Protein backbone atom coordinates (compact mmCIF):
# COMPACT_ATOMS: atom_id res chain seq x y z
CA MET A 1 -59.00 -22.91 42.65
CA ILE A 2 -55.86 -24.72 41.43
CA LYS A 3 -53.06 -26.15 43.52
CA LEU A 4 -50.09 -27.97 42.03
CA ARG A 5 -47.82 -29.60 44.57
CA ASN A 6 -44.32 -30.92 43.79
CA VAL A 7 -45.18 -31.86 40.21
CA ASN A 8 -42.47 -33.59 38.17
CA LYS A 9 -42.60 -34.52 34.50
CA THR A 10 -39.93 -36.46 32.61
CA TYR A 11 -39.95 -37.25 28.91
CA LYS A 12 -38.12 -40.33 27.67
CA ASN A 13 -36.59 -40.81 24.23
CA GLY A 14 -34.89 -44.15 24.19
CA GLU A 15 -32.28 -44.03 26.94
CA ASN A 16 -32.39 -40.24 27.09
CA LYS A 17 -34.48 -38.50 29.74
CA THR A 18 -35.54 -34.83 29.85
CA LEU A 19 -36.83 -33.32 33.08
CA ALA A 20 -39.52 -30.95 31.78
CA LEU A 21 -41.01 -30.00 35.17
CA ASN A 22 -38.89 -30.00 38.29
CA ASP A 23 -40.80 -30.03 41.60
CA VAL A 24 -43.31 -27.40 40.42
CA SER A 25 -45.75 -26.01 43.01
CA ILE A 26 -48.17 -23.16 42.23
CA ASP A 27 -51.50 -21.74 43.41
CA ILE A 28 -53.98 -20.06 41.07
CA ASP A 29 -56.98 -18.32 42.59
CA GLU A 30 -60.39 -18.27 40.97
CA GLY A 31 -60.76 -15.21 38.76
CA GLU A 32 -57.02 -14.65 38.36
CA MET A 33 -55.30 -13.94 35.07
CA ILE A 34 -51.83 -15.47 35.13
CA ALA A 35 -49.00 -15.19 32.61
CA ILE A 36 -46.28 -17.84 32.44
CA MET A 37 -43.04 -16.73 30.81
CA GLY A 38 -39.80 -18.43 29.90
CA ILE A 39 -37.53 -19.23 26.98
CA SER A 40 -38.28 -22.08 24.58
CA GLY A 41 -37.78 -25.40 26.35
CA SER A 42 -38.20 -23.95 29.85
CA GLY A 43 -41.27 -26.11 30.53
CA LYS A 44 -44.06 -23.57 30.22
CA SER A 45 -46.04 -25.40 27.52
CA THR A 46 -45.62 -28.68 29.40
CA LEU A 47 -47.05 -27.00 32.49
CA LEU A 48 -49.99 -25.65 30.49
CA ASN A 49 -50.67 -29.10 29.04
CA ILE A 50 -50.71 -30.60 32.53
CA LEU A 51 -53.04 -27.89 33.83
CA GLY A 52 -55.28 -28.63 30.84
CA CYS A 53 -55.14 -32.41 31.31
CA MET A 54 -53.59 -32.81 27.87
CA ASP A 55 -50.64 -34.59 29.46
CA CYS A 56 -49.95 -36.58 32.62
CA PHE A 57 -47.14 -36.11 35.12
CA ASN A 58 -44.85 -38.57 36.90
CA SER A 59 -45.32 -37.45 40.50
CA GLY A 60 -46.99 -34.74 42.56
CA GLU A 61 -50.54 -33.53 43.11
CA TYR A 62 -53.05 -31.51 41.07
CA LEU A 63 -56.03 -30.18 43.02
CA TYR A 64 -58.85 -28.32 41.26
CA ARG A 65 -61.27 -26.95 43.84
CA ASP A 66 -62.18 -30.12 45.72
CA ILE A 67 -61.19 -32.50 42.89
CA GLU A 68 -58.00 -34.56 43.16
CA VAL A 69 -57.21 -34.53 39.45
CA HIS A 70 -54.08 -36.67 39.95
CA SER A 71 -56.28 -39.48 41.28
CA LEU A 72 -58.80 -39.59 38.42
CA ASN A 73 -58.97 -42.63 36.17
CA LYS A 74 -58.55 -42.16 32.42
CA LYS A 75 -62.28 -41.77 31.68
CA CYS A 76 -62.87 -39.27 34.50
CA PHE A 77 -59.66 -37.44 33.55
CA HIS A 78 -60.96 -36.74 30.04
CA GLN A 79 -64.42 -35.88 31.34
CA PHE A 80 -62.90 -33.40 33.79
CA ARG A 81 -61.10 -31.66 30.92
CA LYS A 82 -64.32 -31.35 28.88
CA GLU A 83 -66.30 -29.95 31.80
CA HIS A 84 -63.83 -27.43 33.19
CA ILE A 85 -61.20 -26.34 30.65
CA GLY A 86 -61.21 -24.34 27.42
CA PHE A 87 -58.16 -23.99 25.16
CA VAL A 88 -56.86 -21.27 22.84
CA PHE A 89 -53.76 -22.04 20.77
CA GLN A 90 -51.25 -19.94 18.83
CA HIS A 91 -52.27 -21.36 15.46
CA PHE A 92 -55.99 -21.47 16.32
CA ALA A 93 -56.46 -25.26 15.92
CA LEU A 94 -59.49 -24.79 13.70
CA MET A 95 -60.63 -27.40 11.19
CA ASN A 96 -60.52 -25.84 7.75
CA GLN A 97 -63.22 -28.11 6.30
CA TYR A 98 -65.78 -26.76 8.79
CA THR A 99 -67.33 -23.30 8.98
CA VAL A 100 -66.73 -20.94 11.88
CA TYR A 101 -70.10 -21.97 13.32
CA GLU A 102 -69.31 -25.68 12.97
CA ASN A 103 -65.87 -25.28 14.58
CA ILE A 104 -67.51 -23.78 17.65
CA GLU A 105 -70.38 -26.27 17.68
CA LEU A 106 -68.36 -29.48 17.25
CA PRO A 107 -67.06 -29.81 20.85
CA LEU A 108 -70.62 -29.28 22.11
CA SER A 109 -71.88 -31.98 19.77
CA ILE A 110 -69.24 -34.38 21.08
CA GLN A 111 -70.47 -33.60 24.60
CA ASN A 112 -74.03 -34.48 23.48
CA VAL A 113 -75.37 -31.00 24.17
CA PRO A 114 -78.92 -30.79 22.69
CA LYS A 115 -79.11 -29.13 19.25
CA LYS A 116 -81.21 -26.16 20.40
CA GLU A 117 -78.85 -25.43 23.29
CA ARG A 118 -75.83 -25.83 20.99
CA ARG A 119 -77.25 -23.23 18.63
CA GLU A 120 -77.93 -20.79 21.47
CA ARG A 121 -74.48 -21.20 22.97
CA VAL A 122 -72.68 -20.91 19.62
CA TYR A 123 -74.50 -17.73 18.59
CA ASP A 124 -74.02 -16.23 22.03
CA ALA A 125 -70.27 -16.83 21.75
CA LEU A 126 -70.19 -15.47 18.18
CA GLU A 127 -72.01 -12.37 19.36
CA LYS A 128 -69.61 -11.81 22.24
CA MET A 129 -66.62 -12.15 19.92
CA GLY A 130 -68.13 -9.85 17.29
CA ILE A 131 -67.94 -12.46 14.50
CA LYS A 132 -71.57 -13.42 14.01
CA ASP A 133 -71.38 -12.13 10.44
CA ILE A 134 -68.73 -14.71 9.46
CA ALA A 135 -70.46 -17.76 11.00
CA LYS A 136 -70.84 -19.49 7.62
CA LYS A 137 -67.31 -18.81 6.38
CA LEU A 138 -64.45 -21.30 6.36
CA PRO A 139 -61.35 -20.49 8.46
CA THR A 140 -59.25 -20.16 5.29
CA LYS A 141 -61.48 -17.29 4.17
CA ILE A 142 -61.09 -15.10 7.26
CA SER A 143 -58.21 -13.17 8.86
CA GLY A 144 -55.89 -14.42 11.59
CA GLY A 145 -57.56 -12.17 14.14
CA GLN A 146 -60.98 -13.54 13.19
CA GLN A 147 -59.66 -17.10 13.44
CA GLN A 148 -58.41 -16.42 16.96
CA ARG A 149 -61.76 -14.88 17.89
CA CYS A 150 -63.35 -18.08 16.62
CA ALA A 151 -61.01 -20.13 18.80
CA ILE A 152 -61.92 -18.02 21.83
CA ALA A 153 -65.61 -18.32 20.96
CA ARG A 154 -65.19 -22.11 20.91
CA ALA A 155 -63.72 -21.99 24.42
CA LEU A 156 -66.51 -19.67 25.58
CA ALA A 157 -69.31 -21.81 24.17
CA SER A 158 -68.12 -24.71 26.30
CA GLY A 159 -69.08 -22.71 29.38
CA ASN A 160 -65.86 -23.77 31.10
CA GLU A 161 -64.55 -21.54 33.86
CA LEU A 162 -60.83 -22.02 33.11
CA ILE A 163 -59.27 -20.85 29.83
CA LEU A 164 -55.71 -21.86 28.95
CA ALA A 165 -53.98 -19.96 26.14
CA ASP A 166 -50.67 -20.98 24.55
CA GLU A 167 -49.03 -17.99 22.81
CA PRO A 168 -52.45 -16.68 21.72
CA THR A 169 -51.01 -13.64 19.93
CA GLY A 170 -47.92 -15.33 18.48
CA ALA A 171 -49.33 -15.63 14.95
CA LEU A 172 -50.92 -12.17 14.89
CA ASP A 173 -49.75 -8.66 14.10
CA VAL A 174 -49.32 -6.21 16.99
CA ASN A 175 -52.66 -4.41 16.64
CA THR A 176 -54.66 -7.62 16.29
CA GLY A 177 -52.73 -9.11 19.21
CA ASN A 178 -53.71 -6.14 21.37
CA GLU A 179 -57.35 -6.65 20.40
CA ILE A 180 -57.19 -10.32 21.40
CA MET A 181 -55.59 -9.48 24.74
CA SER A 182 -58.30 -6.90 25.40
CA ILE A 183 -60.83 -9.69 24.85
CA PHE A 184 -59.03 -11.91 27.37
CA LYS A 185 -58.99 -9.05 29.86
CA GLU A 186 -62.73 -8.53 29.43
CA LEU A 187 -63.43 -12.26 29.84
CA ASN A 188 -61.35 -12.25 33.01
CA GLN A 189 -63.35 -9.31 34.33
CA GLN A 190 -66.47 -11.38 33.67
CA GLY A 191 -65.15 -14.10 35.97
CA LYS A 192 -63.09 -16.44 33.79
CA THR A 193 -59.81 -17.72 35.22
CA ILE A 194 -57.17 -17.38 32.52
CA VAL A 195 -53.64 -18.78 32.24
CA ILE A 196 -51.53 -17.54 29.33
CA VAL A 197 -48.16 -18.88 28.20
CA THR A 198 -46.18 -16.18 26.40
CA HIS A 199 -42.69 -14.91 25.67
CA ASP A 200 -44.01 -11.37 25.11
CA TYR A 201 -43.79 -8.97 28.06
CA LYS A 202 -46.49 -6.76 26.53
CA VAL A 203 -48.88 -9.72 26.61
CA ALA A 204 -47.81 -10.66 30.14
CA ALA A 205 -48.51 -7.09 31.30
CA TYR A 206 -52.25 -7.79 30.97
CA ALA A 207 -52.03 -10.42 33.71
CA HIS A 208 -52.49 -9.95 37.44
CA ARG A 209 -49.38 -11.98 38.10
CA ILE A 210 -46.41 -13.27 36.12
CA LEU A 211 -44.70 -16.59 36.81
CA TYR A 212 -41.32 -17.40 35.29
CA MET A 213 -39.98 -20.78 34.19
CA ASN A 214 -36.40 -21.93 33.70
CA ASP A 215 -35.20 -25.54 33.24
CA GLY A 216 -38.51 -26.91 34.51
CA LYS A 217 -38.60 -24.77 37.65
CA ILE A 218 -41.10 -22.01 38.39
CA GLY A 219 -41.04 -18.88 40.54
CA GLU A 220 -42.22 -15.33 40.98
CA ASN A 221 -38.90 -14.01 39.63
CA MET A 222 -36.06 -15.39 37.56
CA ASP A 223 -33.45 -15.15 40.32
CA GLU A 224 -35.10 -17.79 42.49
CA ILE A 225 -35.17 -20.40 39.69
CA LYS A 226 -31.74 -19.91 38.12
CA ASN A 227 -29.44 -22.87 38.50
C-alpha cells in the first residue's frame, strides 16, 4: 500500500540544518497496524507528517498504491490527503466553538459532500464511537476520552482508508487510553490501515509490527539504527 524509498528531510533555521529523516525506506501493507517508536526528536512525528502529506521532503519517493505522491503538484497533493488520509492527534485538535457533530461534519463540508450524505456519515461515525448522545455538546463540556472518540469519529466519517495517529493516548488516563486502543484495534480489524506514533510500549503492543526511530533513521530494531 505504502512504499517510502530513501526519504530525506532537513529543516533549516538560519544557517543551522537538522536532518530529521535520514534515508528512510519502509513498506506498509494494506490492513496493517504499525507502531513507530523513538525518543523525542528521533524523527517519528516528522515521518508521520510526511506519510500524511502535512509536510514535504527533500529527496526520495513516496508511493501510495499506484500513486507517485512525490510527483504530485500542490493542488493534487492536498486533494490526495483529503481523499485518503484521516488524522488523530494527542490533543484531539477539536474546535471548541463547534459541537461534536459540527467538528465531525466540518471536513466533509469543506469537501463539498452533500448535506444529506454528511448527516448520514456523521451519525454513523458517532454511533460507531458510542458518542451519539453527546453530538450537540461542545468539546469543553466532555471528557478527554470522549474528545478522542470525537477525533476518531471525524477520521472515520471521511471514509479514508489510512488513519495516522500521533500519540493518541498521550493526554488520557490509562483506562481511557486502553479503551481508545481497543477502538483502533477494532477499526483495523474492519480493514483500516493504521500507523501510530507512540513512546508507550503498551500502546505499541496493539500493533502488528513495531518500527523504531533514532536520529532520523528507521529499522525493525534499535541495534540496526544506532550510530
